[in-house]
């Protein structure tokens, strides 16, 4: 009897889960339906490029319809309202429901604001193409407003959080803002670009050598760093720090943390205190074995360190491939295999011409042009894996 496999989310994990399931199962064995609220797959790892205005958003959008063409995967562009595990149904807008035998959840994460007063209301975030568009348009408007008012707060740009997303964005802005200064025109030395991080260091998880290399590269292009200092409040045009200092700005982009998707958190699945689904070694929900969870929606523990894996596109893609293979094993009554990812490393761009990375099992440090080439190569490899080299939105 043909089984119904339903995949929620066309991100890195969900997309690979749908494609790998189809690679392993015939249409007679399983129908596969992919649901995403957007008609496109977003290259999340390139959002900072569009937010800074370096790359048009069309370059980081891949048509899911084109990606699924000839794959015998049915695509539905719609929002997921709720998951009903007992009934084995997913609810869409207007009460419509889609049933499943096996469900894969890859709905991603949402920003975590940690209860900081005013932060959600007054900050910008960078989680989607729409967010990137809003940031880009806002930055351009800040230059226009400065021309009219000579108010320097319009030229003060703050990035909250100095993890991978925050540093890649600030690196891109360090290259892009001087070009905008010429466009409008504005004296470039009036621009202030500030990174605020609550922990003692930027880019936690990277080696000290690479962290220092990143700081030097960014500081040479005007970036200021404030570390070991949390944001405690945000008001219109004011960021308040823990020590009482304030930064006057019209722009705070918050990248300081994520939590699980709210649909997952309210689905009845077992979740942790941040709304991430708890899964077993096969990536199944610990309470509902017919449900797999991939990407940022899942809490996945590294058996070696005993700590959660950091949420990355690379990890999500590997989770998706693994789940696709486990679904095949379930339907063919074969043994499941535990998820033990072999990660190829971590790369961080520091602008158009610089990057750092730790590569391979031994975490070999790379920097400069070689790291830039490796980061470009990783994107090309991803596009090739999903058949997306020619699927960009026109």
Protein backbone atom coordinates (compact mmCIF):
# COMPACT_ATOMS: atom_id res chain seq x y z
CA UNK A 1 0.00 0.00 0.00
CA UNK A 2 1.35 3.42 -0.98
CA UNK A 3 2.32 5.51 2.06
CA UNK A 4 1.95 9.28 2.38
CA UNK A 5 5.09 11.19 3.30
CA UNK A 6 4.53 14.84 4.17
CA UNK A 7 7.41 17.30 4.53
CA UNK A 8 6.90 20.70 6.17
CA UNK A 9 9.38 23.38 5.15
CA UNK A 10 11.43 23.84 2.00
CA UNK A 11 14.61 24.86 3.80
CA UNK A 12 17.89 22.96 3.87
CA UNK A 13 16.59 20.05 5.95
CA UNK A 14 13.10 19.71 4.53
CA UNK A 15 14.22 19.99 0.93
CA UNK A 16 16.87 17.30 1.31
CA UNK A 17 14.42 15.07 3.18
CA UNK A 18 11.93 15.25 0.30
CA UNK A 19 14.56 14.68 -2.38
CA UNK A 20 16.36 11.85 -0.55
CA UNK A 21 13.08 10.08 0.23
CA UNK A 22 12.23 10.14 -3.46
CA UNK A 23 15.70 8.89 -4.41
CA UNK A 24 15.11 5.86 -2.18
CA UNK A 25 11.43 5.13 -2.75
CA UNK A 26 9.36 4.69 -5.90
CA UNK A 27 6.04 6.51 -6.38
CA UNK A 28 4.31 3.17 -5.80
CA UNK A 29 5.94 2.95 -2.38
CA UNK A 30 5.30 6.53 -1.28
CA UNK A 31 3.73 9.78 -2.36
CA UNK A 32 5.73 12.81 -1.20
CA UNK A 33 4.27 16.25 -0.56
CA UNK A 34 6.33 19.28 0.36
CA UNK A 35 4.65 22.31 1.95
CA UNK A 36 6.27 25.72 2.35
CA UNK A 37 4.68 29.13 2.84
CA UNK A 38 7.01 30.56 0.17
CA UNK A 39 7.20 29.41 -3.45
CA UNK A 40 10.97 29.43 -3.19
CA UNK A 41 13.88 27.91 -1.27
CA UNK A 42 15.90 30.60 0.47
CA UNK A 43 19.69 30.50 0.53
CA UNK A 44 19.80 31.47 4.19
CA UNK A 45 23.59 31.48 4.17
CA UNK A 46 23.50 34.38 1.70
CA UNK A 47 20.88 36.56 3.37
CA UNK A 48 23.54 38.98 4.60
CA UNK A 49 24.51 39.68 0.98
CA UNK A 50 21.03 40.87 0.09
CA UNK A 51 20.53 42.69 3.39
CA UNK A 52 23.61 44.78 2.61
CA UNK A 53 22.48 45.30 -0.97
CA UNK A 54 25.42 43.45 -2.52
CA UNK A 55 23.31 40.76 -4.21
CA UNK A 56 19.70 41.07 -5.48
CA UNK A 57 17.27 38.85 -3.58
CA UNK A 58 16.42 37.00 -6.80
CA UNK A 59 19.92 35.52 -6.64
CA UNK A 60 19.21 33.83 -3.30
CA UNK A 61 15.76 32.47 -4.13
CA UNK A 62 15.31 29.11 -5.85
CA UNK A 63 11.91 28.18 -7.27
CA UNK A 64 10.60 25.15 -5.38
CA UNK A 65 8.36 24.34 -8.31
CA UNK A 66 11.42 24.11 -10.56
CA UNK A 67 13.38 22.15 -7.97
CA UNK A 68 10.56 19.61 -7.68
CA UNK A 69 9.98 19.39 -11.44
CA UNK A 70 10.39 15.80 -12.67
CA UNK A 71 11.12 14.65 -9.10
CA UNK A 72 7.58 13.32 -8.53
CA UNK A 73 7.26 15.42 -5.39
CA UNK A 74 4.03 17.38 -5.02
CA UNK A 75 4.56 20.96 -3.86
CA UNK A 76 2.03 23.11 -1.98
CA UNK A 77 2.79 26.76 -1.29
CA UNK A 78 0.88 27.53 1.90
CA UNK A 79 1.36 28.26 5.58
CA UNK A 80 1.31 25.56 8.25
CA UNK A 81 -1.13 26.56 10.98
CA UNK A 82 -0.93 23.54 13.28
CA UNK A 83 0.23 19.94 13.55
CA UNK A 84 -2.13 17.28 14.92
CA UNK A 85 -0.02 14.21 15.71
CA UNK A 86 -2.84 12.08 17.10
CA UNK A 87 -4.93 12.46 13.94
CA UNK A 88 -1.79 12.39 11.75
CA UNK A 89 -2.88 15.58 10.05
CA UNK A 90 -1.41 19.01 9.36
CA UNK A 91 -3.68 22.05 9.38
CA UNK A 92 -3.43 24.76 6.73
CA UNK A 93 -5.30 28.11 6.60
CA UNK A 94 -9.11 28.09 6.54
CA UNK A 95 -9.25 24.76 8.36
CA UNK A 96 -7.92 22.70 5.46
CA UNK A 97 -6.03 19.56 6.49
CA UNK A 98 -3.48 17.25 4.90
CA UNK A 99 -3.04 13.72 6.26
CA UNK A 100 0.16 11.72 6.43
CA UNK A 101 1.63 8.38 7.40
CA UNK A 102 5.10 9.80 8.02
CA UNK A 103 5.75 13.47 8.73
CA UNK A 104 9.01 15.41 8.44
CA UNK A 105 9.10 18.77 10.20
CA UNK A 106 11.63 21.28 8.90
CA UNK A 107 9.97 24.57 9.76
CA UNK A 108 13.12 26.27 10.99
CA UNK A 109 13.44 28.56 13.98
CA UNK A 110 12.24 31.93 15.19
CA UNK A 111 14.18 34.76 16.79
CA UNK A 112 14.72 34.63 20.54
CA UNK A 113 14.44 38.05 22.17
CA UNK A 114 15.06 36.84 25.74
CA UNK A 115 12.36 39.11 27.14
CA UNK A 116 14.44 42.23 26.48
CA UNK A 117 12.11 45.21 26.65
CA UNK A 118 11.40 46.79 23.26
CA UNK A 119 13.78 44.54 21.34
CA UNK A 120 11.21 42.67 19.27
CA UNK A 121 9.27 45.85 18.56
CA UNK A 122 12.11 48.13 17.49
CA UNK A 123 14.83 45.88 16.05
CA UNK A 124 15.27 44.31 12.64
CA UNK A 125 15.94 40.60 12.21
CA UNK A 126 17.55 38.55 9.44
CA UNK A 127 15.73 35.23 9.06
CA UNK A 128 14.24 35.46 5.57
CA UNK A 129 14.39 37.10 2.17
CA UNK A 130 11.70 39.54 3.29
CA UNK A 131 13.84 40.50 6.28
CA UNK A 132 16.81 41.10 4.00
CA UNK A 133 14.70 43.35 1.78
CA UNK A 134 13.49 45.36 4.79
CA UNK A 135 17.03 45.86 6.11
CA UNK A 136 18.38 46.90 2.71
CA UNK A 137 15.58 49.39 2.12
CA UNK A 138 15.91 50.77 5.64
CA UNK A 139 19.67 51.33 5.30
CA UNK A 140 19.19 53.20 2.05
CA UNK A 141 16.50 55.33 3.67
CA UNK A 142 18.86 56.13 6.57
CA UNK A 143 21.30 57.73 4.13
CA UNK A 144 18.48 59.74 2.59
CA UNK A 145 17.34 60.91 6.03
CA UNK A 146 20.86 61.90 7.01
CA UNK A 147 21.14 64.08 3.91
CA UNK A 148 17.99 65.89 4.99
CA UNK A 149 18.61 66.14 8.75
CA UNK A 150 22.39 65.79 9.32
CA UNK A 151 21.39 63.56 12.27
CA UNK A 152 24.29 61.16 12.87
CA UNK A 153 22.03 58.57 14.49
CA UNK A 154 20.93 57.70 10.96
CA UNK A 155 24.51 56.69 10.15
CA UNK A 156 24.96 54.53 13.26
CA UNK A 157 24.32 50.86 12.49
CA UNK A 158 24.29 48.32 15.33
CA UNK A 159 24.39 44.54 15.01
CA UNK A 160 23.27 42.74 18.17
CA UNK A 161 24.99 39.37 18.48
CA UNK A 162 28.41 38.43 17.15
CA UNK A 163 27.82 34.86 16.09
CA UNK A 164 28.02 33.67 12.50
CA UNK A 165 25.02 35.65 11.22
CA UNK A 166 25.97 38.87 12.97
CA UNK A 167 29.60 38.80 11.89
CA UNK A 168 28.83 37.93 8.27
CA UNK A 169 26.32 40.77 8.11
CA UNK A 170 28.64 43.33 9.68
CA UNK A 171 31.46 42.23 7.38
CA UNK A 172 29.28 42.78 4.35
CA UNK A 173 28.14 46.17 5.65
CA UNK A 174 31.76 47.18 6.25
CA UNK A 175 32.31 46.81 2.52
CA UNK A 176 28.94 48.13 1.37
CA UNK A 177 28.37 51.25 3.48
CA UNK A 178 31.35 53.19 2.05
CA UNK A 179 29.85 52.63 -1.40
CA UNK A 180 26.53 54.04 -0.21
CA UNK A 181 28.42 57.03 1.20
CA UNK A 182 29.68 57.77 -2.29
CA UNK A 183 26.25 57.25 -3.82
CA UNK A 184 24.36 59.78 -1.71
CA UNK A 185 27.02 61.39 -0.99
CA UNK A 186 28.02 61.27 2.67
CA UNK A 187 31.40 61.54 4.37
CA UNK A 188 32.36 57.92 5.07
CA UNK A 189 34.06 58.80 8.36
CA UNK A 190 30.68 59.80 9.79
CA UNK A 191 29.41 56.20 9.53
CA UNK A 192 29.53 54.11 12.70
CA UNK A 193 29.29 50.31 12.52
CA UNK A 194 29.01 48.63 15.90
CA UNK A 195 28.90 44.96 17.02
CA UNK A 196 27.50 44.26 20.49
CA UNK A 197 27.94 40.77 21.99
CA UNK A 198 26.85 39.57 25.44
CA UNK A 199 29.54 36.91 25.76
CA UNK A 200 33.25 37.53 26.16
CA UNK A 201 34.14 36.81 22.53
CA UNK A 202 32.83 37.03 19.00
CA UNK A 203 32.40 33.92 16.83
CA UNK A 204 32.33 31.41 19.67
CA UNK A 205 33.37 27.98 18.42
CA UNK A 206 36.14 29.31 16.22
CA UNK A 207 39.79 29.12 17.26
CA UNK A 208 41.31 32.08 19.09
CA UNK A 209 43.65 32.64 16.15
CA UNK A 210 40.76 32.97 13.71
CA UNK A 211 38.73 35.12 16.08
CA UNK A 212 41.61 37.56 16.34
CA UNK A 213 42.04 37.47 12.56
CA UNK A 214 38.35 38.30 12.10
CA UNK A 215 38.48 41.18 14.57
CA UNK A 216 41.53 42.69 12.91
CA UNK A 217 40.01 42.38 9.45
CA UNK A 218 36.75 44.04 10.49
CA UNK A 219 38.35 46.71 12.67
CA UNK A 220 40.56 47.74 9.77
CA UNK A 221 37.33 48.61 7.93
CA UNK A 222 35.86 50.61 10.78
CA UNK A 223 33.91 48.04 12.80
CA UNK A 224 33.76 48.67 16.57
CA UNK A 225 33.31 45.78 19.01
CA UNK A 226 31.65 45.78 22.42
CA UNK A 227 31.86 42.34 24.05
CA UNK A 228 30.83 40.96 27.43
CA UNK A 229 27.99 43.46 27.39
CA UNK A 230 24.30 42.63 26.96
CA UNK A 231 21.53 44.78 25.59
CA UNK A 232 18.90 45.25 28.31
CA UNK A 233 16.40 47.54 26.63
CA UNK A 234 15.54 49.13 23.33
CA UNK A 235 13.54 52.25 22.79
CA UNK A 236 12.90 54.18 19.57
CA UNK A 237 16.35 55.35 18.45
CA UNK A 238 18.06 54.18 21.68
CA UNK A 239 19.83 50.94 22.62
CA UNK A 240 20.45 50.58 26.36
CA UNK A 241 23.37 48.43 27.56
CA UNK A 242 23.76 46.54 30.85
CA UNK A 243 26.29 49.07 32.22
CA UNK A 244 23.89 51.94 31.58
CA UNK A 245 25.54 53.21 28.43
CA UNK A 246 23.29 54.04 25.51
CA UNK A 247 23.77 53.96 21.76
CA UNK A 248 21.64 56.36 19.72
CA UNK A 249 20.65 54.72 16.46
CA UNK A 250 17.81 54.12 14.07
CA UNK A 251 19.16 50.66 13.22
CA UNK A 252 19.64 47.59 15.38
CA UNK A 253 19.69 44.24 13.59
CA UNK A 254 19.22 41.53 16.20
CA UNK A 255 20.99 38.21 15.53
CA UNK A 256 21.51 37.20 19.16
CA UNK A 257 19.64 33.91 19.38
CA UNK A 258 16.93 31.61 18.07
CA UNK A 259 14.24 29.37 19.50
CA UNK A 260 12.13 26.57 18.05
CA UNK A 261 9.26 27.21 15.69
CA UNK A 262 6.06 28.12 17.54
CA UNK A 263 3.98 25.65 15.49
CA UNK A 264 6.24 22.84 16.70
CA UNK A 265 6.25 24.16 20.27
CA UNK A 266 2.44 23.98 20.38
CA UNK A 267 2.06 20.71 18.47
CA UNK A 268 2.01 18.32 21.40
CA UNK A 269 5.46 16.94 20.59
CA UNK A 270 7.98 16.84 23.41
CA UNK A 271 10.03 20.05 23.25
CA UNK A 272 12.73 21.70 25.35
CA UNK A 273 12.45 25.06 27.12
CA UNK A 274 13.19 26.88 23.84
CA UNK A 275 10.53 25.09 21.81
CA UNK A 276 12.83 22.67 19.96
CA UNK A 277 11.51 19.17 19.39
CA UNK A 278 13.30 16.47 21.35
CA UNK A 279 14.39 13.66 19.04
CA UNK A 280 16.06 10.26 19.38
CA UNK A 281 19.23 9.10 17.66
CA UNK A 282 17.25 8.46 14.46
CA UNK A 283 15.83 12.03 14.47
CA UNK A 284 12.32 10.83 15.36
CA UNK A 285 10.24 12.71 17.91
CA UNK A 286 10.70 10.95 21.25
CA UNK A 287 6.93 10.96 21.72
CA UNK A 288 5.71 10.39 18.14
CA UNK A 289 7.93 7.99 16.14
CA UNK A 290 6.02 8.62 12.89
CA UNK A 291 7.35 12.19 12.99
CA UNK A 292 10.93 13.14 12.09
CA UNK A 293 12.30 16.61 12.84
CA UNK A 294 15.19 18.26 10.99
CA UNK A 295 17.07 21.54 11.06
CA UNK A 296 16.55 24.29 13.64
CA UNK A 297 13.20 22.79 14.70
CA UNK A 298 15.04 19.91 16.43
CA UNK A 299 17.20 19.61 19.52
CA UNK A 300 19.97 17.25 18.40
CA UNK A 301 22.62 16.22 20.90
CA UNK A 302 26.20 15.52 19.84
CA UNK A 303 26.93 12.13 21.43
CA UNK A 304 30.60 13.04 21.68
CA UNK A 305 30.30 16.31 23.58
CA UNK A 306 26.85 15.80 25.10
CA UNK A 307 25.89 19.29 23.91
CA UNK A 308 23.41 20.35 21.22
CA UNK A 309 24.76 20.79 17.72
CA UNK A 310 24.75 24.46 16.68
CA UNK A 311 22.02 25.24 14.14
CA UNK A 312 23.64 25.45 10.71
CA UNK A 313 22.52 24.95 7.12
CA UNK A 314 25.14 22.22 6.71
CA UNK A 315 23.77 20.23 9.65
CA UNK A 316 20.16 20.70 8.50
CA UNK A 317 20.98 19.37 5.03
CA UNK A 318 22.68 16.30 6.47
CA UNK A 319 19.72 15.70 8.76
CA UNK A 320 17.39 15.84 5.78
CA UNK A 321 19.40 13.26 3.84
CA UNK A 322 19.54 10.99 6.88
CA UNK A 323 15.80 11.20 7.46
CA UNK A 324 15.06 10.41 3.82
CA UNK A 325 17.05 7.19 4.20
CA UNK A 326 15.37 6.29 7.50
CA UNK A 327 11.92 6.71 5.95
CA UNK A 328 12.94 4.24 3.26
CA UNK A 329 14.12 1.81 5.93
CA UNK A 330 10.82 2.08 7.84
CA UNK A 331 8.70 1.37 4.78
CA UNK A 332 10.92 -1.58 3.81
CA UNK A 333 11.08 -2.99 7.37
CA UNK A 334 14.82 -2.42 7.64
CA UNK A 335 16.81 -1.36 10.70
CA UNK A 336 17.21 2.34 11.35
CA UNK A 337 20.65 3.95 11.56
CA UNK A 338 21.63 6.52 14.18
CA UNK A 339 22.47 10.03 13.03
CA UNK A 340 26.24 10.57 13.24
CA UNK A 341 27.04 13.53 10.98
CA UNK A 342 30.46 14.07 9.47
CA UNK A 343 30.67 17.85 9.26
CA UNK A 344 33.11 19.35 6.80
CA UNK A 345 33.82 22.44 8.87
CA UNK A 346 32.59 25.98 9.44
CA UNK A 347 33.21 29.03 7.28
CA UNK A 348 32.49 32.69 7.99
CA UNK A 349 32.67 35.45 5.42
CA UNK A 350 34.09 38.77 6.57
CA UNK A 351 33.02 40.73 3.53
CA UNK A 352 33.54 40.36 -0.19
CA UNK A 353 37.27 39.59 -0.09
CA UNK A 354 37.90 37.94 3.25
CA UNK A 355 36.77 34.91 5.25
CA UNK A 356 37.88 32.45 7.90
CA UNK A 357 37.14 28.80 8.47
CA UNK A 358 37.91 25.55 10.26
CA UNK A 359 37.96 22.65 7.83
CA UNK A 360 37.79 18.88 8.15
CA UNK A 361 38.01 16.47 11.05
CA UNK A 362 41.10 18.19 12.41
CA UNK A 363 39.57 21.67 12.13
CA UNK A 364 42.37 23.09 10.00
CA UNK A 365 42.39 26.89 10.09
CA UNK A 366 41.99 28.72 6.79
CA UNK A 367 41.73 32.45 6.15
CA UNK A 368 41.73 35.02 3.38
CA UNK A 369 41.27 34.04 -0.26
CA UNK A 370 41.36 30.25 0.32
CA UNK A 371 38.50 30.58 2.81
CA UNK A 372 36.56 32.79 0.38
CA UNK A 373 36.98 30.16 -2.36
CA UNK A 374 35.91 27.36 -0.02
CA UNK A 375 32.78 29.27 0.98
CA UNK A 376 31.88 29.88 -2.66
CA UNK A 377 32.55 26.21 -3.39
CA UNK A 378 30.27 25.09 -0.56
CA UNK A 379 27.38 27.06 -2.07
CA UNK A 380 27.98 25.62 -5.53
CA UNK A 381 28.08 22.13 -4.03
CA UNK A 382 24.76 22.72 -2.26
CA UNK A 383 23.13 23.99 -5.45
CA UNK A 384 24.43 20.96 -7.31
CA UNK A 385 23.16 18.55 -4.63
CA UNK A 386 19.59 19.86 -4.85
CA UNK A 387 19.59 20.45 -8.61
CA UNK A 388 19.37 24.19 -8.06
CA UNK A 389 22.05 25.58 -10.36
CA UNK A 390 19.36 26.77 -12.80
CA UNK A 391 16.35 27.20 -10.51
CA UNK A 392 16.68 30.80 -9.38
CA UNK A 393 13.57 32.95 -9.29
CA UNK A 394 13.45 35.29 -12.28
